[in-house]
Amino acid sequence: MRDATQVLYSPAPAMWLKPIPRTELAPPPHYACPVYRTGERRGTLSTTGHSTNFVLDIRVPTSREKEHWICRGVALLASLAVG
């Protein structure tokens, strides 16, 4: 069994994106995990100021501080095939 620090890519579970009004959103502690189209995490800036590679943030429930995930570079990638 490999140590968790040796895992570069791990499959994410299937997610259902259900839009709700922000006023109804009362999230538990979470990490706003960025979703990118590719693993490069870069793209050209559009006129809105966002990278063309960035898709959205997904709120991932966690008991850890967001800095824990940021320091590890945790992100979701839309381009990896499920193997």
C-alpha atoms as a PDB file:
ATOM      1  CA  MET A   1       0.000   0.000   0.000  1.00  0.00           C
ATOM      2  CA  ARG A   2       1.358   3.413  -0.948  1.00  0.00           C
ATOM      3  CA  ASP A   3       1.662   6.326   1.419  1.00  0.00           C
ATOM      4  CA  ALA A   4      -0.975   9.018   0.770  1.00  0.00           C
ATOM      5  CA  THR A   5       1.799  11.539   0.071  1.00  0.00           C
ATOM      6  CA  GLN A   6       2.802   9.502  -2.986  1.00  0.00           C
ATOM      7  CA  VAL A   7      -0.577   9.784  -4.734  1.00  0.00           C
ATOM      8  CA  LEU A   8      -0.502  12.255  -7.623  1.00  0.00           C
ATOM      9  CA  TYR A   9      -3.990  11.623  -9.042  1.00  0.00           C
ATOM     10  CA  SER A  10      -6.983  10.065  -7.346  1.00  0.00           C
ATOM     11  CA  PRO A  11     -10.464   9.644  -8.866  1.00  0.00           C
ATOM     12  CA  ALA A  12     -13.201  11.852  -7.460  1.00  0.00           C
ATOM     13  CA  PRO A  13     -16.676  10.469  -6.777  1.00  0.00           C
ATOM     14  CA  ALA A  14     -19.537  11.244  -9.132  1.00  0.00           C
ATOM     15  CA  MET A  15     -21.071  14.608  -8.216  1.00  0.00           C
ATOM     16  CA  TRP A  16     -24.496  16.025  -8.826  1.00  0.00           C
ATOM     17  CA  LEU A  17     -24.416  19.793  -9.327  1.00  0.00           C
ATOM     18  CA  LYS A  18     -27.756  21.149  -8.155  1.00  0.00           C
ATOM     19  CA  PRO A  19     -28.161  24.919  -8.373  1.00  0.00           C
ATOM     20  CA  ILE A  20     -29.825  26.581  -5.382  1.00  0.00           C
ATOM     21  CA  PRO A  21     -30.195  30.223  -4.355  1.00  0.00           C
ATOM     22  CA  ARG A  22     -27.248  31.512  -2.347  1.00  0.00           C
ATOM     23  CA  THR A  23     -29.634  32.544   0.431  1.00  0.00           C
ATOM     24  CA  GLU A  24     -30.469  28.849   0.996  1.00  0.00           C
ATOM     25  CA  LEU A  25     -26.812  27.849   1.187  1.00  0.00           C
ATOM     26  CA  ALA A  26     -25.552  27.171   4.699  1.00  0.00           C
ATOM     27  CA  PRO A  27     -22.443  25.081   4.069  1.00  0.00           C
ATOM     28  CA  PRO A  28     -20.566  23.133   6.705  1.00  0.00           C
ATOM     29  CA  PRO A  29     -16.826  23.782   6.923  1.00  0.00           C
ATOM     30  CA  HIS A  30     -15.541  23.256   3.392  1.00  0.00           C
ATOM     31  CA  TYR A  31     -12.656  23.738   0.989  1.00  0.00           C
ATOM     32  CA  ALA A  32     -13.528  25.646  -2.179  1.00  0.00           C
ATOM     33  CA  CYS A  33     -11.748  23.222  -4.504  1.00  0.00           C
ATOM     34  CA  PRO A  34     -10.972  24.701  -7.929  1.00  0.00           C
ATOM     35  CA  VAL A  35     -11.860  22.696 -11.029  1.00  0.00           C
ATOM     36  CA  TYR A  36      -9.580  23.144 -14.047  1.00  0.00           C
ATOM     37  CA  ARG A  37     -10.018  21.889 -17.622  1.00  0.00           C
ATOM     38  CA  THR A  38      -6.418  20.631 -17.772  1.00  0.00           C
ATOM     39  CA  GLY A  39      -3.659  19.944 -15.272  1.00  0.00           C
ATOM     40  CA  GLU A  40      -1.656  22.970 -16.399  1.00  0.00           C
ATOM     41  CA  ARG A  41      -3.667  25.288 -14.109  1.00  0.00           C
ATOM     42  CA  ARG A  42      -3.030  28.149 -16.432  1.00  0.00           C
ATOM     43  CA  GLY A  43      -4.706  29.757 -19.357  1.00  0.00           C
ATOM     44  CA  THR A  44      -5.158  33.174 -20.820  1.00  0.00           C
ATOM     45  CA  LEU A  45      -7.094  35.728 -18.846  1.00  0.00           C
ATOM     46  CA  SER A  46     -10.480  36.444 -20.344  1.00  0.00           C
ATOM     47  CA  THR A  47     -12.137  39.842 -20.316  1.00  0.00           C
ATOM     48  CA  THR A  48     -13.815  38.889 -17.010  1.00  0.00           C
ATOM     49  CA  GLY A  49     -10.411  38.418 -15.357  1.00  0.00           C
ATOM     50  CA  HIS A  50     -10.727  34.636 -15.012  1.00  0.00           C
ATOM     51  CA  SER A  51      -8.400  32.063 -16.521  1.00  0.00           C
ATOM     52  CA  THR A  52      -9.793  30.205 -19.524  1.00  0.00           C
ATOM     53  CA  ASN A  53      -8.614  26.981 -17.846  1.00  0.00           C
ATOM     54  CA  PHE A  54     -10.642  27.547 -14.636  1.00  0.00           C
ATOM     55  CA  VAL A  55     -14.161  26.076 -14.606  1.00  0.00           C
ATOM     56  CA  LEU A  56     -15.644  26.572 -11.117  1.00  0.00           C
ATOM     57  CA  ASP A  57     -15.099  25.952  -7.398  1.00  0.00           C
ATOM     58  CA  ILE A  58     -16.705  22.922  -5.762  1.00  0.00           C
ATOM     59  CA  ARG A  59     -17.309  23.046  -2.017  1.00  0.00           C
ATOM     60  CA  VAL A  60     -15.714  19.915  -0.564  1.00  0.00           C
ATOM     61  CA  PRO A  61     -16.681  19.216   3.081  1.00  0.00           C
ATOM     62  CA  THR A  62     -13.635  18.999   5.348  1.00  0.00           C
ATOM     63  CA  SER A  63     -12.664  19.329   8.988  1.00  0.00           C
ATOM     64  CA  ARG A  64      -9.254  20.770   8.073  1.00  0.00           C
ATOM     65  CA  GLU A  65      -8.380  24.398   7.419  1.00  0.00           C
ATOM     66  CA  LYS A  66      -8.334  25.499   3.768  1.00  0.00           C
ATOM     67  CA  GLU A  67      -4.568  26.146   4.024  1.00  0.00           C
ATOM     68  CA  HIS A  68      -4.029  22.390   4.435  1.00  0.00           C
ATOM     69  CA  TRP A  69      -5.457  21.765   0.959  1.00  0.00           C
ATOM     70  CA  ILE A  70      -3.998  24.888  -0.657  1.00  0.00           C
ATOM     71  CA  CYS A  71      -0.433  24.016   0.440  1.00  0.00           C
ATOM     72  CA  ARG A  72      -0.876  20.592  -1.167  1.00  0.00           C
ATOM     73  CA  GLY A  73      -2.177  22.055  -4.423  1.00  0.00           C
ATOM     74  CA  VAL A  74      -5.437  20.096  -4.291  1.00  0.00           C
ATOM     75  CA  ALA A  75      -7.652  20.676  -7.321  1.00  0.00           C
ATOM     76  CA  LEU A  76     -10.067  18.757  -9.509  1.00  0.00           C
ATOM     77  CA  LEU A  77      -9.216  18.183 -13.164  1.00  0.00           C
ATOM     78  CA  ALA A  78     -11.850  17.681 -15.847  1.00  0.00           C
ATOM     79  CA  SER A  79      -9.404  16.272 -18.406  1.00  0.00           C
ATOM     80  CA  LEU A  80      -8.249  13.056 -16.757  1.00  0.00           C
ATOM     81  CA  ALA A  81      -9.809   9.841 -17.994  1.00  0.00           C
ATOM     82  CA  VAL A  82     -11.184   7.389 -15.463  1.00  0.00           C
ATOM     83  CA  GLY A  83      -8.987   4.305 -15.575  1.00  0.00           C
END
